Structures are given as structure tokens and as C-alpha cells.
Amino acid sequence: MNTRCQQLELTVEVSQIKDVTKAVFHTILFHRSTGKYTYQQGNTFSVGSIGMEDVDCATVEFTYVRCTSEALERWVDQYVTAFAQSLSGTELPASGQITLEFYERRKARWLIFADNLNWELWKLKLNVVRVKTDAEWQQHQRKLAENLAETIQFICWAVNKPEYLPKNPFEEDLTSVFDTQFPEVQPYLHHFNHELTTETVGNTVRKLIRNTFAY
């Protein structure tokens, strides 16, 4: 099975990296989570409800919805903070990408080793710019709010397409499909990764100058 891949891209100022990244990934996780499973005899189960809360961004005029779970918020924050710190420490303008990948664990079978099956990948590329004047800031704010709203709408459309999701597991297989560490909510298994685009405009110019005088 091929991994579904969605590529998202936004332009932000340094102070907006965390707000925008959290808005995107909390939206995805809200749609890729369930309530906690409670199993009865015969592997029948009931599913608890998911609490939701509105979050107002501090650096852009935008509100998004996330799961009501302090543990999940701390979980996301550690990865987003690491990404923001790496990206904000580079020369501007710069770009970086953070990914959220969903997977399920497959047990070992005859002649087949246990492995992970990746079924969905979200890539968020942020282009970080420096805004110099108040007029530029107002224009940037309006544009970012519009683009972020379009991005969230696209996410809501994409997650509701009739495509592959892991089957509801038996109780003994619950941790092969869901991350059960959070007391209030149960997202599908996932992991975060991030990388930076180190080839900034300044680096490119300096490289061209060095190459020019090398001959």
C-alpha cells in the first residue's frame, strides 16, 4: 500500500512559526483521533467522546479547534518548539519542513518480520521571512490568515475522503493502531520529523561569489 502524502506550504514571520504549525497539526490530530476504547467480553467495545476547544493564535488572527487534552498539547508542543527553535536560528529568509506521519504496527508472521506500515504523511513547509514595516506586517497578517484558513479547509476535506484507515483493533492489538499514552484521547500512531532548507539566499550569493573567484 502506498502512503498517502499531502504537501502544505505557508509563509510566516519568525514569531508565527509555533502558532501556525500547531494550528495545522492539531487540526490533523483532531480528525485522526478517537475517544478511548472500553472493551467488553467478545472484543465488543464502546468509544468515549472527544472534548474539543477553540484556540486563538497569539501572532495571527486565526482560531482553530484542537482536542481537549493537556497531555496531547504537551506532546505536540515539544516537537513544534524544536522545529521553531531550529528554524528561527537560521539566516533569513529560510525554509523548513516538519512532517507528521501515521502508521500501524504489523506483527511478525511466518517468514515476515514485524514492521510498521505507514499509511498517511503530512508535510508542512514554512517559508520564514522578515517583515520590515508596519504596512508590510498588516499585509502579511491578512495574507497569512487567508492562506491558513484555506489550509485548514483543505485538511478537513482531505481527512474526510473515503480512503484507507486502520481497522478497529481487537483489545490485544489496540497499541498496534492507536497511541494510548494520553488519558483523554486516542490518536492513531504517529511520529514527527523536521528538517531545514539550509540554502538561504545569502548562502547562495556567497557560494556564487566563491565559485566566480575560484577560476
C-alpha atoms as a PDB file:
ATOM      1  CA  MET A   1       0.000   0.000   0.000  1.00  0.00           C
ATOM      2  CA  ASN A   2       1.317   3.436  -0.919  1.00  0.00           C
ATOM      3  CA  THR A   3       1.470   6.112   1.766  1.00  0.00           C
ATOM      4  CA  ARG A   4      -0.944   8.984   1.154  1.00  0.00           C
ATOM      5  CA  CYS A   5       1.018  12.213   1.097  1.00  0.00           C
ATOM      6  CA  GLN A   6      -0.256  15.774   1.496  1.00  0.00           C
ATOM      7  CA  GLN A   7       2.057  18.775   0.969  1.00  0.00           C
ATOM      8  CA  LEU A   8       1.208  22.076   2.663  1.00  0.00           C
ATOM      9  CA  GLU A   9       3.131  25.347   2.411  1.00  0.00           C
ATOM     10  CA  LEU A  10       2.815  28.696   4.189  1.00  0.00           C
ATOM     11  CA  THR A  11       4.866  31.863   4.562  1.00  0.00           C
ATOM     12  CA  VAL A  12       5.365  33.159   8.114  1.00  0.00           C
ATOM     13  CA  GLU A  13       7.383  35.564  10.216  1.00  0.00           C
ATOM     14  CA  VAL A  14       9.641  34.058  12.902  1.00  0.00           C
ATOM     15  CA  SER A  15       7.228  34.791  15.746  1.00  0.00           C
ATOM     16  CA  GLN A  16       4.428  32.919  13.940  1.00  0.00           C
ATOM     17  CA  ILE A  17       6.165  29.568  13.447  1.00  0.00           C
ATOM     18  CA  LYS A  18       4.730  27.869  16.530  1.00  0.00           C
ATOM     19  CA  ASP A  19       1.180  29.230  16.188  1.00  0.00           C
ATOM     20  CA  VAL A  20       0.873  28.242  12.535  1.00  0.00           C
ATOM     21  CA  THR A  21       2.466  24.814  12.956  1.00  0.00           C
ATOM     22  CA  LYS A  22       0.243  23.990  15.908  1.00  0.00           C
ATOM     23  CA  ALA A  23      -2.876  25.149  14.074  1.00  0.00           C
ATOM     24  CA  VAL A  24      -2.103  22.767  11.218  1.00  0.00           C
ATOM     25  CA  PHE A  25      -1.086  19.698  13.210  1.00  0.00           C
ATOM     26  CA  HIS A  26      -3.695  19.994  15.960  1.00  0.00           C
ATOM     27  CA  THR A  27      -6.329  20.153  13.217  1.00  0.00           C
ATOM     28  CA  ILE A  28      -4.978  16.965  11.659  1.00  0.00           C
ATOM     29  CA  LEU A  29      -4.735  15.182  15.010  1.00  0.00           C
ATOM     30  CA  PHE A  30      -8.268  16.224  15.928  1.00  0.00           C
ATOM     31  CA  HIS A  31      -9.506  14.335  12.867  1.00  0.00           C
ATOM     32  CA  ARG A  32      -7.091  11.443  13.361  1.00  0.00           C
ATOM     33  CA  SER A  33      -8.063  10.708  16.962  1.00  0.00           C
ATOM     34  CA  THR A  34     -10.879   8.841  18.665  1.00  0.00           C
ATOM     35  CA  GLY A  35     -12.240   8.646  22.169  1.00  0.00           C
ATOM     36  CA  LYS A  36     -10.800   5.997  24.466  1.00  0.00           C
ATOM     37  CA  TYR A  37     -11.872   2.415  23.741  1.00  0.00           C
ATOM     38  CA  THR A  38     -13.501   0.372  26.517  1.00  0.00           C
ATOM     39  CA  TYR A  39     -13.667  -3.336  25.727  1.00  0.00           C
ATOM     40  CA  GLN A  40     -16.240  -5.816  26.962  1.00  0.00           C
ATOM     41  CA  GLN A  41     -16.359  -9.551  26.513  1.00  0.00           C
ATOM     42  CA  GLY A  42     -16.048 -10.894  22.992  1.00  0.00           C
ATOM     43  CA  ASN A  43     -13.985  -7.900  21.858  1.00  0.00           C
ATOM     44  CA  THR A  44     -17.019  -5.654  21.650  1.00  0.00           C
ATOM     45  CA  PHE A  45     -16.199  -2.129  22.710  1.00  0.00           C
ATOM     46  CA  SER A  46     -17.542   1.339  23.281  1.00  0.00           C
ATOM     47  CA  VAL A  47     -15.825   4.568  22.274  1.00  0.00           C
ATOM     48  CA  GLY A  48     -15.653   7.568  24.546  1.00  0.00           C
ATOM     49  CA  SER A  49     -16.205  11.113  23.351  1.00  0.00           C
ATOM     50  CA  ILE A  50     -13.510  13.624  22.391  1.00  0.00           C
ATOM     51  CA  GLY A  51     -13.519  17.008  24.045  1.00  0.00           C
ATOM     52  CA  MET A  52     -12.767  19.979  21.818  1.00  0.00           C
ATOM     53  CA  GLU A  53     -11.673  23.541  22.467  1.00  0.00           C
ATOM     54  CA  ASP A  54     -11.101  26.697  20.441  1.00  0.00           C
ATOM     55  CA  VAL A  55      -7.580  28.119  20.405  1.00  0.00           C
ATOM     56  CA  ASP A  56      -6.875  31.731  19.438  1.00  0.00           C
ATOM     57  CA  CYS A  57      -3.467  32.218  17.854  1.00  0.00           C
ATOM     58  CA  ALA A  58      -1.367  34.919  19.520  1.00  0.00           C
ATOM     59  CA  THR A  59       0.525  36.038  16.405  1.00  0.00           C
ATOM     60  CA  VAL A  60      -2.061  35.788  13.639  1.00  0.00           C
ATOM     61  CA  GLU A  61      -5.801  36.465  13.614  1.00  0.00           C
ATOM     62  CA  PHE A  62      -6.955  32.876  13.447  1.00  0.00           C
ATOM     63  CA  THR A  63      -8.819  30.393  15.653  1.00  0.00           C
ATOM     64  CA  TYR A  64      -8.602  26.622  15.338  1.00  0.00           C
ATOM     65  CA  VAL A  65     -10.051  23.592  17.110  1.00  0.00           C
ATOM     66  CA  ARG A  66      -7.991  21.011  18.964  1.00  0.00           C
ATOM     67  CA  CYS A  67      -8.665  18.033  21.219  1.00  0.00           C
ATOM     68  CA  THR A  68      -9.129  18.888  24.878  1.00  0.00           C
ATOM     69  CA  SER A  69      -6.047  17.118  26.187  1.00  0.00           C
ATOM     70  CA  GLU A  70      -3.217  18.749  28.100  1.00  0.00           C
ATOM     71  CA  ALA A  71      -1.057  15.674  27.541  1.00  0.00           C
ATOM     72  CA  LEU A  72      -1.541  15.793  23.763  1.00  0.00           C
ATOM     73  CA  GLU A  73      -0.821  19.552  23.747  1.00  0.00           C
ATOM     74  CA  ARG A  74       2.476  18.959  25.606  1.00  0.00           C
ATOM     75  CA  TRP A  75       3.308  16.146  23.189  1.00  0.00           C
ATOM     76  CA  VAL A  76       2.800  18.331  20.122  1.00  0.00           C
ATOM     77  CA  ASP A  77       4.474  21.346  21.721  1.00  0.00           C
ATOM     78  CA  GLN A  78       7.797  19.594  22.251  1.00  0.00           C
ATOM     79  CA  TYR A  79       8.161  18.795  18.553  1.00  0.00           C
ATOM     80  CA  VAL A  80       6.850  22.141  17.350  1.00  0.00           C
ATOM     81  CA  THR A  81       9.160  24.002  19.728  1.00  0.00           C
ATOM     82  CA  ALA A  82      12.196  22.062  18.497  1.00  0.00           C
ATOM     83  CA  PHE A  83      11.242  22.853  14.909  1.00  0.00           C
ATOM     84  CA  ALA A  84      10.680  26.538  15.677  1.00  0.00           C
ATOM     85  CA  GLN A  85      13.984  26.860  17.521  1.00  0.00           C
ATOM     86  CA  SER A  86      15.902  25.254  14.663  1.00  0.00           C
ATOM     87  CA  LEU A  87      14.208  27.382  12.034  1.00  0.00           C
ATOM     88  CA  SER A  88      14.390  30.683  13.915  1.00  0.00           C
ATOM     89  CA  GLY A  89      18.121  30.229  14.418  1.00  0.00           C
ATOM     90  CA  THR A  90      18.891  30.343  10.695  1.00  0.00           C
ATOM     91  CA  GLU A  91      19.650  33.283   8.424  1.00  0.00           C
ATOM     92  CA  LEU A  92      16.505  34.772   6.869  1.00  0.00           C
ATOM     93  CA  PRO A  93      14.852  34.197   4.525  1.00  0.00           C
ATOM     94  CA  ALA A  94      14.852  30.473   5.251  1.00  0.00           C
ATOM     95  CA  SER A  95      12.654  27.416   4.847  1.00  0.00           C
ATOM     96  CA  GLY A  96      11.991  24.340   6.903  1.00  0.00           C
ATOM     97  CA  GLN A  97       9.717  21.321   6.779  1.00  0.00           C
ATOM     98  CA  ILE A  98       8.038  19.389   9.567  1.00  0.00           C
ATOM     99  CA  THR A  99       6.176  16.160   8.909  1.00  0.00           C
ATOM    100  CA  LEU A 100       3.510  14.157  10.698  1.00  0.00           C
ATOM    101  CA  GLU A 101       3.305  10.518   9.638  1.00  0.00           C
ATOM    102  CA  PHE A 102       0.677   7.990  10.694  1.00  0.00           C
ATOM    103  CA  TYR A 103       1.439   4.282  10.826  1.00  0.00           C
ATOM    104  CA  GLU A 104       0.324   0.971  12.258  1.00  0.00           C
ATOM    105  CA  ARG A 105       2.420  -1.842  13.663  1.00  0.00           C
ATOM    106  CA  ARG A 106       2.262  -5.191  11.911  1.00  0.00           C
ATOM    107  CA  LYS A 107       3.078  -8.290  13.895  1.00  0.00           C
ATOM    108  CA  ALA A 108       5.643 -10.807  12.765  1.00  0.00           C
ATOM    109  CA  ARG A 109       4.244 -13.732  10.805  1.00  0.00           C
ATOM    110  CA  TRP A 110       5.738 -16.780   9.184  1.00  0.00           C
ATOM    111  CA  LEU A 111       8.838 -15.608   7.277  1.00  0.00           C
ATOM    112  CA  ILE A 112       7.797 -11.956   7.735  1.00  0.00           C
ATOM    113  CA  PHE A 113       9.399  -9.671  10.318  1.00  0.00           C
ATOM    114  CA  ALA A 114       7.402  -7.221  12.395  1.00  0.00           C
ATOM    115  CA  ASP A 115       7.380  -3.780  10.792  1.00  0.00           C
ATOM    116  CA  ASN A 116       5.466  -0.519  10.528  1.00  0.00           C
ATOM    117  CA  LEU A 117       3.005   0.253   7.770  1.00  0.00           C
ATOM    118  CA  ASN A 118       2.965   3.984   7.036  1.00  0.00           C
ATOM    119  CA  TRP A 119      -0.436   4.986   5.692  1.00  0.00           C
ATOM    120  CA  GLU A 120      -0.558   8.799   5.747  1.00  0.00           C
ATOM    121  CA  LEU A 121       2.051  11.561   5.620  1.00  0.00           C
ATOM    122  CA  TRP A 122       1.543  15.296   6.074  1.00  0.00           C
ATOM    123  CA  LYS A 123       4.338  17.673   5.079  1.00  0.00           C
ATOM    124  CA  LEU A 124       4.265  21.300   6.190  1.00  0.00           C
ATOM    125  CA  LYS A 125       6.830  23.620   4.610  1.00  0.00           C
ATOM    126  CA  LEU A 126       7.259  27.026   6.201  1.00  0.00           C
ATOM    127  CA  ASN A 127       8.980  29.866   4.393  1.00  0.00           C
ATOM    128  CA  VAL A 128      10.218  32.300   7.029  1.00  0.00           C
ATOM    129  CA  VAL A 129      10.570  35.946   6.035  1.00  0.00           C
ATOM    130  CA  ARG A 130      11.459  39.201   7.772  1.00  0.00           C
ATOM    131  CA  VAL A 131       8.720  41.843   7.794  1.00  0.00           C
ATOM    132  CA  LYS A 132      10.244  45.328   7.979  1.00  0.00           C
ATOM    133  CA  THR A 133       7.428  47.901   8.140  1.00  0.00           C
ATOM    134  CA  ASP A 134       4.002  48.203   9.761  1.00  0.00           C
ATOM    135  CA  ALA A 135       2.369  48.301   6.334  1.00  0.00           C
ATOM    136  CA  GLU A 136       4.145  45.099   5.313  1.00  0.00           C
ATOM    137  CA  TRP A 137       3.108  43.495   8.612  1.00  0.00           C
ATOM    138  CA  GLN A 138      -0.575  44.292   8.097  1.00  0.00           C
ATOM    139  CA  GLN A 139      -0.476  42.931   4.558  1.00  0.00           C
ATOM    140  CA  HIS A 140       1.395  39.829   5.686  1.00  0.00           C
ATOM    141  CA  GLN A 141      -1.081  39.217   8.523  1.00  0.00           C
ATOM    142  CA  ARG A 142      -4.088  39.384   6.202  1.00  0.00           C
ATOM    143  CA  LYS A 143      -2.491  37.096   3.639  1.00  0.00           C
ATOM    144  CA  LEU A 144      -1.378  34.542   6.216  1.00  0.00           C
ATOM    145  CA  ALA A 145      -4.817  34.421   7.855  1.00  0.00           C
ATOM    146  CA  GLU A 146      -6.401  33.782   4.448  1.00  0.00           C
ATOM    147  CA  ASN A 147      -3.877  31.108   3.496  1.00  0.00           C
ATOM    148  CA  LEU A 148      -4.099  29.396   6.877  1.00  0.00           C
ATOM    149  CA  ALA A 149      -7.894  29.273   6.619  1.00  0.00           C
ATOM    150  CA  GLU A 150      -7.611  27.696   3.153  1.00  0.00           C
ATOM    151  CA  THR A 151      -5.098  25.178   4.508  1.00  0.00           C
ATOM    152  CA  ILE A 152      -7.385  24.152   7.368  1.00  0.00           C
ATOM    153  CA  GLN A 153     -10.301  23.802   4.957  1.00  0.00           C
ATOM    154  CA  PHE A 154      -8.179  21.576   2.728  1.00  0.00           C
ATOM    155  CA  ILE A 155      -7.212  19.397   5.706  1.00  0.00           C
ATOM    156  CA  CYS A 156     -10.872  18.962   6.675  1.00  0.00           C
ATOM    157  CA  TRP A 157     -11.692  17.966   3.096  1.00  0.00           C
ATOM    158  CA  ALA A 158      -8.763  15.558   2.776  1.00  0.00           C
ATOM    159  CA  VAL A 159      -9.331  13.684   6.059  1.00  0.00           C
ATOM    160  CA  ASN A 160     -12.967  13.048   5.173  1.00  0.00           C
ATOM    161  CA  LYS A 161     -12.247  11.391   1.834  1.00  0.00           C
ATOM    162  CA  PRO A 162     -13.202   7.685   1.797  1.00  0.00           C
ATOM    163  CA  GLU A 163      -9.661   6.353   1.933  1.00  0.00           C
ATOM    164  CA  TYR A 164      -7.748   3.797   3.981  1.00  0.00           C
ATOM    165  CA  LEU A 165      -7.839   3.886   7.762  1.00  0.00           C
ATOM    166  CA  PRO A 166      -6.648   1.074  10.037  1.00  0.00           C
ATOM    167  CA  LYS A 167      -9.403  -1.316  11.082  1.00  0.00           C
ATOM    168  CA  ASN A 168     -10.790  -1.164  14.600  1.00  0.00           C
ATOM    169  CA  PRO A 169      -8.454  -3.468  16.522  1.00  0.00           C
ATOM    170  CA  PHE A 170      -9.157  -6.273  18.977  1.00  0.00           C
ATOM    171  CA  GLU A 171      -8.141  -5.380  22.513  1.00  0.00           C
ATOM    172  CA  GLU A 172      -4.781  -7.159  22.291  1.00  0.00           C
ATOM    173  CA  ASP A 173      -3.944  -5.179  19.139  1.00  0.00           C
ATOM    174  CA  LEU A 174      -5.015  -1.753  20.381  1.00  0.00           C
ATOM    175  CA  THR A 175      -1.462  -0.412  20.719  1.00  0.00           C
ATOM    176  CA  SER A 176      -0.667  -1.549  17.180  1.00  0.00           C
ATOM    177  CA  VAL A 177      -3.104   1.048  15.851  1.00  0.00           C
ATOM    178  CA  PHE A 178      -3.519   3.765  18.492  1.00  0.00           C
ATOM    179  CA  ASP A 179      -1.245   5.755  20.775  1.00  0.00           C
ATOM    180  CA  THR A 180      -2.762   5.052  24.197  1.00  0.00           C
ATOM    181  CA  GLN A 181      -0.473   7.225  26.346  1.00  0.00           C
ATOM    182  CA  PHE A 182      -2.963  10.104  26.541  1.00  0.00           C
ATOM    183  CA  PRO A 183      -5.683   9.825  29.199  1.00  0.00           C
ATOM    184  CA  GLU A 184      -8.330  11.897  27.372  1.00  0.00           C
ATOM    185  CA  VAL A 185      -7.907  10.963  23.720  1.00  0.00           C
ATOM    186  CA  GLN A 186      -6.585   8.214  21.442  1.00  0.00           C
ATOM    187  CA  PRO A 187      -4.799   9.352  18.257  1.00  0.00           C
ATOM    188  CA  TYR A 188      -3.604   6.936  15.619  1.00  0.00           C
ATOM    189  CA  LEU A 189       0.057   6.022  15.980  1.00  0.00           C
ATOM    190  CA  HIS A 190       2.231   8.781  14.555  1.00  0.00           C
ATOM    191  CA  HIS A 191       5.609  10.436  14.684  1.00  0.00           C
ATOM    192  CA  PHE A 192       7.062  13.867  13.877  1.00  0.00           C
ATOM    193  CA  ASN A 193      10.211  14.790  11.975  1.00  0.00           C
ATOM    194  CA  HIS A 194      11.646  18.091  10.801  1.00  0.00           C
ATOM    195  CA  GLU A 195      14.409  19.363   8.561  1.00  0.00           C
ATOM    196  CA  LEU A 196      15.732  22.720   7.427  1.00  0.00           C
ATOM    197  CA  THR A 197      16.474  24.076   3.992  1.00  0.00           C
ATOM    198  CA  THR A 198      19.975  25.426   4.559  1.00  0.00           C
ATOM    199  CA  GLU A 199      20.369  27.032   1.120  1.00  0.00           C
ATOM    200  CA  THR A 200      19.300  30.582   2.014  1.00  0.00           C
ATOM    201  CA  VAL A 201      19.568  33.480  -0.415  1.00  0.00           C
ATOM    202  CA  GLY A 202      22.646  34.808   1.370  1.00  0.00           C
ATOM    203  CA  ASN A 203      24.358  31.430   1.249  1.00  0.00           C
ATOM    204  CA  THR A 204      23.593  31.123  -2.461  1.00  0.00           C
ATOM    205  CA  VAL A 205      25.081  34.546  -3.240  1.00  0.00           C
ATOM    206  CA  ARG A 206      28.214  33.825  -1.238  1.00  0.00           C
ATOM    207  CA  LYS A 207      28.602  30.475  -2.965  1.00  0.00           C
ATOM    208  CA  LEU A 208      28.295  32.114  -6.404  1.00  0.00           C
ATOM    209  CA  ILE A 209      30.945  34.695  -5.456  1.00  0.00           C
ATOM    210  CA  ARG A 210      33.321  31.994  -4.238  1.00  0.00           C
ATOM    211  CA  ASN A 211      32.788  29.974  -7.412  1.00  0.00           C
ATOM    212  CA  THR A 212      33.357  33.081  -9.567  1.00  0.00           C
ATOM    213  CA  PHE A 213      36.733  33.888  -7.996  1.00  0.00           C
ATOM    214  CA  ALA A 214      37.803  30.248  -7.993  1.00  0.00           C
ATOM    215  CA  TYR A 215      38.585  30.380 -11.723  1.00  0.00           C
END
